[in-house]
Amino acid sequence: MARNTRLVALVLSTFLAGGLTAGQAQAEHPTSKRTATSAAPAALARQQIVTNANRALTKPTKYKATKNGSVRLSKPNGNNNYLGGHNLNEYNNYNGQSWCGHFAAAMWGKRGVPAKYEASQRWRTHMGSRFHAYNAKKLPQPGDVLVWTNRSNASFGHVGVVVAVKGRTITTVEGNAGTGTDSVTRQTYNWNDTRNTGGPYVSAKNFRGFATPS
């Protein structure tokens, strides 16, 4: 009888332990789900950023010729997509302001962009460890955003989205550049250019480095 009693007790103990383990797993599951839900959205894949930028170069894009004018569609031409010359287009919601930062944010799907991304220098000063100061030995990757600062006023500058890196040659697609300085346009730079501060050269600007999407 004592042997049977011990056997029953052992079986009961095993059953209760298994139930406790299952209960713990059930209690932990909602926590795991909350953690996954609250996680920051993943950065847009680099290839998708490149695809977005190349498509923007060839896509008829909405713009206006005057603030209260009718919406028109651009006519892309090779490496240039001219948007009317007045900074009134779908990227900046027709607000008349410089829009290179708006364009870069749109190419990133607005994921991981700095607050007030419309200001070019936010891509340098508000990206934390995701901004990399110019280093001749460290090249960007497709999907990154290049940052320049105006030589006359360091509060302003320009940004462009990298779409290809071949050797030391960097190819970008940029907004608020090109024809009339109001186009989506393709540009090519020499990473080893020694004019100004070194790196991709734009007249009257200093190259500062690049921001990464993740």
C-alpha atoms as a PDB file:
ATOM      1  CA  MET A   1       0.000   0.000   0.000  1.00  0.00           C
ATOM      2  CA  ALA A   2       2.781   2.446   0.906  1.00  0.00           C
ATOM      3  CA  ARG A   3       4.471   1.728  -2.434  1.00  0.00           C
ATOM      4  CA  ASN A   4       1.247   2.496  -4.342  1.00  0.00           C
ATOM      5  CA  THR A   5       0.763   5.708  -2.353  1.00  0.00           C
ATOM      6  CA  ARG A   6       4.285   6.879  -3.249  1.00  0.00           C
ATOM      7  CA  LEU A   7       3.658   6.078  -6.945  1.00  0.00           C
ATOM      8  CA  VAL A   8       0.421   8.111  -6.998  1.00  0.00           C
ATOM      9  CA  ALA A   9       2.168  11.022  -5.290  1.00  0.00           C
ATOM     10  CA  LEU A  10       4.973  10.941  -7.874  1.00  0.00           C
ATOM     11  CA  VAL A  11       2.531  10.967 -10.798  1.00  0.00           C
ATOM     12  CA  LEU A  12       0.530  13.811  -9.237  1.00  0.00           C
ATOM     13  CA  SER A  13       3.705  15.843  -8.623  1.00  0.00           C
ATOM     14  CA  THR A  14       4.797  15.414 -12.249  1.00  0.00           C
ATOM     15  CA  PHE A  15       1.372  16.474 -13.524  1.00  0.00           C
ATOM     16  CA  LEU A  16       1.320  19.604 -11.370  1.00  0.00           C
ATOM     17  CA  ALA A  17       4.836  20.571 -12.457  1.00  0.00           C
ATOM     18  CA  GLY A  18       3.832  20.255 -16.105  1.00  0.00           C
ATOM     19  CA  GLY A  19       0.754  22.383 -15.514  1.00  0.00           C
ATOM     20  CA  LEU A  20       2.821  25.068 -13.801  1.00  0.00           C
ATOM     21  CA  THR A  21       5.250  25.169 -16.711  1.00  0.00           C
ATOM     22  CA  ALA A  22       2.382  25.522 -19.180  1.00  0.00           C
ATOM     23  CA  GLY A  23       0.871  28.269 -17.026  1.00  0.00           C
ATOM     24  CA  GLN A  24       4.156  30.171 -17.034  1.00  0.00           C
ATOM     25  CA  ALA A  25       4.388  29.871 -20.814  1.00  0.00           C
ATOM     26  CA  GLN A  26       0.866  31.252 -21.180  1.00  0.00           C
ATOM     27  CA  ALA A  27       1.677  34.139 -18.859  1.00  0.00           C
ATOM     28  CA  GLU A  28       4.828  34.989 -20.810  1.00  0.00           C
ATOM     29  CA  HIS A  29       3.224  34.868 -24.249  1.00  0.00           C
ATOM     30  CA  PRO A  30       1.294  38.176 -24.044  1.00  0.00           C
ATOM     31  CA  THR A  31       4.455  39.914 -22.848  1.00  0.00           C
ATOM     32  CA  SER A  32       6.373  38.622 -25.850  1.00  0.00           C
ATOM     33  CA  LYS A  33       3.610  39.812 -28.147  1.00  0.00           C
ATOM     34  CA  ARG A  34       3.626  43.275 -26.570  1.00  0.00           C
ATOM     35  CA  THR A  35       7.376  43.509 -27.016  1.00  0.00           C
ATOM     36  CA  ALA A  36       7.142  42.638 -30.698  1.00  0.00           C
ATOM     37  CA  THR A  37       4.275  45.078 -31.228  1.00  0.00           C
ATOM     38  CA  SER A  38       6.058  47.961 -29.521  1.00  0.00           C
ATOM     39  CA  ALA A  39       9.299  47.497 -31.448  1.00  0.00           C
ATOM     40  CA  ALA A  40      10.264  50.296 -33.844  1.00  0.00           C
ATOM     41  CA  PRO A  41       9.400  49.598 -37.500  1.00  0.00           C
ATOM     42  CA  ALA A  42      12.266  48.112 -39.466  1.00  0.00           C
ATOM     43  CA  ALA A  43      14.206  50.358 -41.809  1.00  0.00           C
ATOM     44  CA  LEU A  44      13.212  50.104 -45.424  1.00  0.00           C
ATOM     45  CA  ALA A  45      15.439  47.636 -47.274  1.00  0.00           C
ATOM     46  CA  ARG A  46      18.269  49.303 -49.167  1.00  0.00           C
ATOM     47  CA  GLN A  47      17.231  47.787 -52.487  1.00  0.00           C
ATOM     48  CA  GLN A  48      13.737  49.199 -52.053  1.00  0.00           C
ATOM     49  CA  ILE A  49      15.194  52.665 -51.401  1.00  0.00           C
ATOM     50  CA  VAL A  50      17.244  52.408 -54.607  1.00  0.00           C
ATOM     51  CA  THR A  51      14.182  51.225 -56.520  1.00  0.00           C
ATOM     52  CA  ASN A  52      12.148  54.141 -55.160  1.00  0.00           C
ATOM     53  CA  ALA A  53      14.811  56.666 -56.178  1.00  0.00           C
ATOM     54  CA  ASN A  54      15.279  55.298 -59.685  1.00  0.00           C
ATOM     55  CA  ARG A  55      11.520  55.221 -60.181  1.00  0.00           C
ATOM     56  CA  ALA A  56      11.234  58.859 -59.036  1.00  0.00           C
ATOM     57  CA  LEU A  57      13.615  59.819 -61.818  1.00  0.00           C
ATOM     58  CA  THR A  58      11.365  58.358 -64.511  1.00  0.00           C
ATOM     59  CA  LYS A  59       7.878  58.786 -63.014  1.00  0.00           C
ATOM     60  CA  PRO A  60       5.576  61.618 -64.151  1.00  0.00           C
ATOM     61  CA  THR A  61       5.350  63.618 -60.924  1.00  0.00           C
ATOM     62  CA  LYS A  62       2.794  66.149 -59.689  1.00  0.00           C
ATOM     63  CA  TYR A  63       3.835  69.810 -59.476  1.00  0.00           C
ATOM     64  CA  LYS A  64       2.423  73.323 -59.804  1.00  0.00           C
ATOM     65  CA  ALA A  65       3.701  76.333 -61.718  1.00  0.00           C
ATOM     66  CA  THR A  66       2.103  78.746 -59.210  1.00  0.00           C
ATOM     67  CA  LYS A  67       0.969  78.340 -55.603  1.00  0.00           C
ATOM     68  CA  ASN A  68      -2.715  78.414 -56.510  1.00  0.00           C
ATOM     69  CA  GLY A  69      -2.284  76.902 -59.943  1.00  0.00           C
ATOM     70  CA  SER A  70      -3.524  73.582 -61.214  1.00  0.00           C
ATOM     71  CA  VAL A  71      -1.593  70.370 -60.679  1.00  0.00           C
ATOM     72  CA  ARG A  72       0.503  69.254 -63.626  1.00  0.00           C
ATOM     73  CA  LEU A  73       2.500  66.134 -64.427  1.00  0.00           C
ATOM     74  CA  SER A  74       6.210  66.313 -65.172  1.00  0.00           C
ATOM     75  CA  LYS A  75       7.774  64.859 -68.307  1.00  0.00           C
ATOM     76  CA  PRO A  76      10.913  62.941 -67.272  1.00  0.00           C
ATOM     77  CA  ASN A  77      13.810  63.251 -69.679  1.00  0.00           C
ATOM     78  CA  GLY A  78      16.739  60.883 -69.256  1.00  0.00           C
ATOM     79  CA  ASN A  79      18.556  61.692 -66.024  1.00  0.00           C
ATOM     80  CA  ASN A  80      16.342  64.641 -65.155  1.00  0.00           C
ATOM     81  CA  ASN A  81      12.738  64.996 -64.023  1.00  0.00           C
ATOM     82  CA  TYR A  82      11.944  68.733 -63.991  1.00  0.00           C
ATOM     83  CA  LEU A  83       9.212  69.864 -61.570  1.00  0.00           C
ATOM     84  CA  GLY A  84       8.429  73.383 -62.709  1.00  0.00           C
ATOM     85  CA  GLY A  85      11.044  75.632 -61.133  1.00  0.00           C
ATOM     86  CA  HIS A  86       9.065  76.913 -58.142  1.00  0.00           C
ATOM     87  CA  ASN A  87       9.533  74.249 -55.430  1.00  0.00           C
ATOM     88  CA  LEU A  88       5.845  73.353 -55.647  1.00  0.00           C
ATOM     89  CA  ASN A  89       5.512  69.588 -55.924  1.00  0.00           C
ATOM     90  CA  GLU A  90       4.093  66.486 -54.319  1.00  0.00           C
ATOM     91  CA  TYR A  91       7.244  65.816 -52.275  1.00  0.00           C
ATOM     92  CA  ASN A  92       6.940  69.020 -50.224  1.00  0.00           C
ATOM     93  CA  ASN A  93       3.144  69.239 -50.451  1.00  0.00           C
ATOM     94  CA  TYR A  94       3.448  72.256 -52.775  1.00  0.00           C
ATOM     95  CA  ASN A  95       4.779  74.504 -49.973  1.00  0.00           C
ATOM     96  CA  GLY A  96       7.377  76.392 -52.038  1.00  0.00           C
ATOM     97  CA  GLN A  97      10.304  75.402 -49.810  1.00  0.00           C
ATOM     98  CA  SER A  98      13.523  73.561 -50.594  1.00  0.00           C
ATOM     99  CA  TRP A  99      12.710  69.873 -50.829  1.00  0.00           C
ATOM    100  CA  CYS A 100      15.866  67.735 -51.016  1.00  0.00           C
ATOM    101  CA  GLY A 101      15.178  66.525 -47.459  1.00  0.00           C
ATOM    102  CA  HIS A 102      11.553  65.780 -48.304  1.00  0.00           C
ATOM    103  CA  PHE A 103      12.716  63.749 -51.286  1.00  0.00           C
ATOM    104  CA  ALA A 104      15.232  61.690 -49.283  1.00  0.00           C
ATOM    105  CA  ALA A 105      12.595  60.966 -46.630  1.00  0.00           C
ATOM    106  CA  ALA A 106      10.125  59.827 -49.269  1.00  0.00           C
ATOM    107  CA  MET A 107      12.705  57.441 -50.735  1.00  0.00           C
ATOM    108  CA  TRP A 108      13.217  55.954 -47.252  1.00  0.00           C
ATOM    109  CA  GLY A 109       9.465  55.522 -46.876  1.00  0.00           C
ATOM    110  CA  LYS A 110       9.849  58.016 -43.987  1.00  0.00           C
ATOM    111  CA  ARG A 111      11.275  55.198 -41.839  1.00  0.00           C
ATOM    112  CA  GLY A 112      14.194  56.062 -39.603  1.00  0.00           C
ATOM    113  CA  VAL A 113      14.352  59.656 -40.822  1.00  0.00           C
ATOM    114  CA  PRO A 114      15.268  62.507 -38.479  1.00  0.00           C
ATOM    115  CA  ALA A 115      12.604  64.746 -36.966  1.00  0.00           C
ATOM    116  CA  LYS A 116      12.133  67.776 -39.220  1.00  0.00           C
ATOM    117  CA  TYR A 117      13.735  65.773 -42.021  1.00  0.00           C
ATOM    118  CA  GLU A 118      12.993  68.593 -44.461  1.00  0.00           C
ATOM    119  CA  ALA A 119      16.039  70.428 -43.048  1.00  0.00           C
ATOM    120  CA  SER A 120      19.098  68.998 -44.803  1.00  0.00           C
ATOM    121  CA  GLN A 121      21.401  69.317 -41.785  1.00  0.00           C
ATOM    122  CA  ARG A 122      19.106  67.179 -39.619  1.00  0.00           C
ATOM    123  CA  TRP A 123      20.365  64.243 -41.665  1.00  0.00           C
ATOM    124  CA  ARG A 124      23.769  65.020 -40.142  1.00  0.00           C
ATOM    125  CA  THR A 125      23.022  66.351 -36.649  1.00  0.00           C
ATOM    126  CA  HIS A 126      20.041  64.216 -35.606  1.00  0.00           C
ATOM    127  CA  MET A 127      20.964  60.719 -36.795  1.00  0.00           C
ATOM    128  CA  GLY A 128      23.187  59.690 -33.888  1.00  0.00           C
ATOM    129  CA  SER A 129      25.515  56.816 -34.725  1.00  0.00           C
ATOM    130  CA  ARG A 130      23.829  56.433 -38.117  1.00  0.00           C
ATOM    131  CA  PHE A 131      25.665  59.477 -39.433  1.00  0.00           C
ATOM    132  CA  HIS A 132      29.226  58.823 -40.614  1.00  0.00           C
ATOM    133  CA  ALA A 133      31.553  61.778 -41.116  1.00  0.00           C
ATOM    134  CA  TYR A 134      33.509  61.758 -44.361  1.00  0.00           C
ATOM    135  CA  ASN A 135      36.372  59.274 -44.378  1.00  0.00           C
ATOM    136  CA  ALA A 136      38.155  58.592 -47.669  1.00  0.00           C
ATOM    137  CA  LYS A 137      38.454  54.921 -46.696  1.00  0.00           C
ATOM    138  CA  LYS A 138      34.804  54.374 -45.732  1.00  0.00           C
ATOM    139  CA  LEU A 139      32.353  54.515 -48.617  1.00  0.00           C
ATOM    140  CA  PRO A 140      28.555  54.663 -48.353  1.00  0.00           C
ATOM    141  CA  GLN A 141      26.246  51.920 -49.598  1.00  0.00           C
ATOM    142  CA  PRO A 142      23.239  52.172 -51.907  1.00  0.00           C
ATOM    143  CA  GLY A 143      20.321  53.511 -49.893  1.00  0.00           C
ATOM    144  CA  ASP A 144      22.429  55.892 -47.777  1.00  0.00           C
ATOM    145  CA  VAL A 145      21.944  59.668 -47.863  1.00  0.00           C
ATOM    146  CA  LEU A 146      24.876  61.971 -48.628  1.00  0.00           C
ATOM    147  CA  VAL A 147      25.008  65.293 -46.772  1.00  0.00           C
ATOM    148  CA  TRP A 148      26.585  68.618 -47.826  1.00  0.00           C
ATOM    149  CA  THR A 149      26.754  71.912 -45.891  1.00  0.00           C
ATOM    150  CA  ASN A 150      26.671  75.320 -47.555  1.00  0.00           C
ATOM    151  CA  ARG A 151      30.012  77.071 -47.223  1.00  0.00           C
ATOM    152  CA  SER A 152      28.300  80.426 -46.711  1.00  0.00           C
ATOM    153  CA  ASN A 153      25.882  79.218 -44.013  1.00  0.00           C
ATOM    154  CA  ALA A 154      26.407  75.904 -42.213  1.00  0.00           C
ATOM    155  CA  SER A 155      22.747  75.762 -41.189  1.00  0.00           C
ATOM    156  CA  PHE A 156      21.786  74.853 -44.738  1.00  0.00           C
ATOM    157  CA  GLY A 157      22.979  72.452 -47.380  1.00  0.00           C
ATOM    158  CA  HIS A 158      21.834  69.545 -49.511  1.00  0.00           C
ATOM    159  CA  VAL A 159      21.212  65.793 -49.389  1.00  0.00           C
ATOM    160  CA  GLY A 160      21.069  63.053 -52.030  1.00  0.00           C
ATOM    161  CA  VAL A 161      20.204  59.340 -52.074  1.00  0.00           C
ATOM    162  CA  VAL A 162      22.932  56.890 -53.087  1.00  0.00           C
ATOM    163  CA  VAL A 163      21.758  54.433 -55.760  1.00  0.00           C
ATOM    164  CA  ALA A 164      25.077  52.854 -56.814  1.00  0.00           C
ATOM    165  CA  VAL A 165      28.697  52.539 -55.686  1.00  0.00           C
ATOM    166  CA  LYS A 166      31.291  51.316 -58.182  1.00  0.00           C
ATOM    167  CA  GLY A 167      34.881  51.538 -57.093  1.00  0.00           C
ATOM    168  CA  ARG A 168      35.290  55.137 -55.887  1.00  0.00           C
ATOM    169  CA  THR A 169      32.387  56.432 -57.998  1.00  0.00           C
ATOM    170  CA  ILE A 170      29.153  57.274 -56.207  1.00  0.00           C
ATOM    171  CA  THR A 171      25.895  57.670 -58.125  1.00  0.00           C
ATOM    172  CA  THR A 172      22.937  59.436 -56.536  1.00  0.00           C
ATOM    173  CA  VAL A 173      19.381  60.443 -57.292  1.00  0.00           C
ATOM    174  CA  GLU A 174      18.596  63.818 -55.692  1.00  0.00           C
ATOM    175  CA  GLY A 175      15.622  66.091 -55.291  1.00  0.00           C
ATOM    176  CA  ASN A 176      15.758  69.895 -55.596  1.00  0.00           C
ATOM    177  CA  ALA A 177      18.771  69.721 -57.920  1.00  0.00           C
ATOM    178  CA  GLY A 178      19.467  69.420 -61.647  1.00  0.00           C
ATOM    179  CA  THR A 179      17.654  71.551 -64.217  1.00  0.00           C
ATOM    180  CA  GLY A 180      16.427  74.783 -62.648  1.00  0.00           C
ATOM    181  CA  THR A 181      17.630  73.372 -59.313  1.00  0.00           C
ATOM    182  CA  ASP A 182      14.063  72.035 -59.116  1.00  0.00           C
ATOM    183  CA  SER A 183      14.345  68.529 -60.519  1.00  0.00           C
ATOM    184  CA  VAL A 184      14.800  64.942 -59.511  1.00  0.00           C
ATOM    185  CA  THR A 185      18.166  64.246 -61.091  1.00  0.00           C
ATOM    186  CA  ARG A 186      20.935  61.664 -61.301  1.00  0.00           C
ATOM    187  CA  GLN A 187      24.451  62.745 -60.291  1.00  0.00           C
ATOM    188  CA  THR A 188      27.839  61.019 -60.244  1.00  0.00           C
ATOM    189  CA  TYR A 189      30.670  61.874 -57.831  1.00  0.00           C
ATOM    190  CA  ASN A 190      34.275  60.925 -57.161  1.00  0.00           C
ATOM    191  CA  TRP A 191      34.638  59.820 -53.532  1.00  0.00           C
ATOM    192  CA  ASN A 192      38.297  60.894 -53.591  1.00  0.00           C
ATOM    193  CA  ASP A 193      37.664  64.412 -54.928  1.00  0.00           C
ATOM    194  CA  THR A 194      39.964  66.747 -52.993  1.00  0.00           C
ATOM    195  CA  ARG A 195      38.185  70.050 -53.664  1.00  0.00           C
ATOM    196  CA  ASN A 196      36.672  71.825 -50.664  1.00  0.00           C
ATOM    197  CA  THR A 197      36.753  69.363 -47.739  1.00  0.00           C
ATOM    198  CA  GLY A 198      37.175  66.264 -49.881  1.00  0.00           C
ATOM    199  CA  GLY A 199      34.590  63.772 -51.035  1.00  0.00           C
ATOM    200  CA  PRO A 200      31.709  64.252 -53.494  1.00  0.00           C
ATOM    201  CA  TYR A 201      32.066  67.776 -54.839  1.00  0.00           C
ATOM    202  CA  VAL A 202      29.257  70.312 -55.161  1.00  0.00           C
ATOM    203  CA  SER A 203      30.130  73.942 -55.845  1.00  0.00           C
ATOM    204  CA  ALA A 204      29.967  76.241 -52.779  1.00  0.00           C
ATOM    205  CA  LYS A 205      29.305  73.319 -50.441  1.00  0.00           C
ATOM    206  CA  ASN A 206      31.399  71.165 -48.126  1.00  0.00           C
ATOM    207  CA  PHE A 207      30.774  67.438 -48.084  1.00  0.00           C
ATOM    208  CA  ARG A 208      30.144  66.174 -44.569  1.00  0.00           C
ATOM    209  CA  GLY A 209      29.396  62.445 -44.776  1.00  0.00           C
ATOM    210  CA  PHE A 210      26.417  60.113 -45.045  1.00  0.00           C
ATOM    211  CA  ALA A 211      23.436  58.841 -43.045  1.00  0.00           C
ATOM    212  CA  THR A 212      22.379  55.196 -43.054  1.00  0.00           C
ATOM    213  CA  PRO A 213      18.814  53.843 -42.879  1.00  0.00           C
ATOM    214  CA  SER A 214      19.668  51.392 -40.088  1.00  0.00           C
END
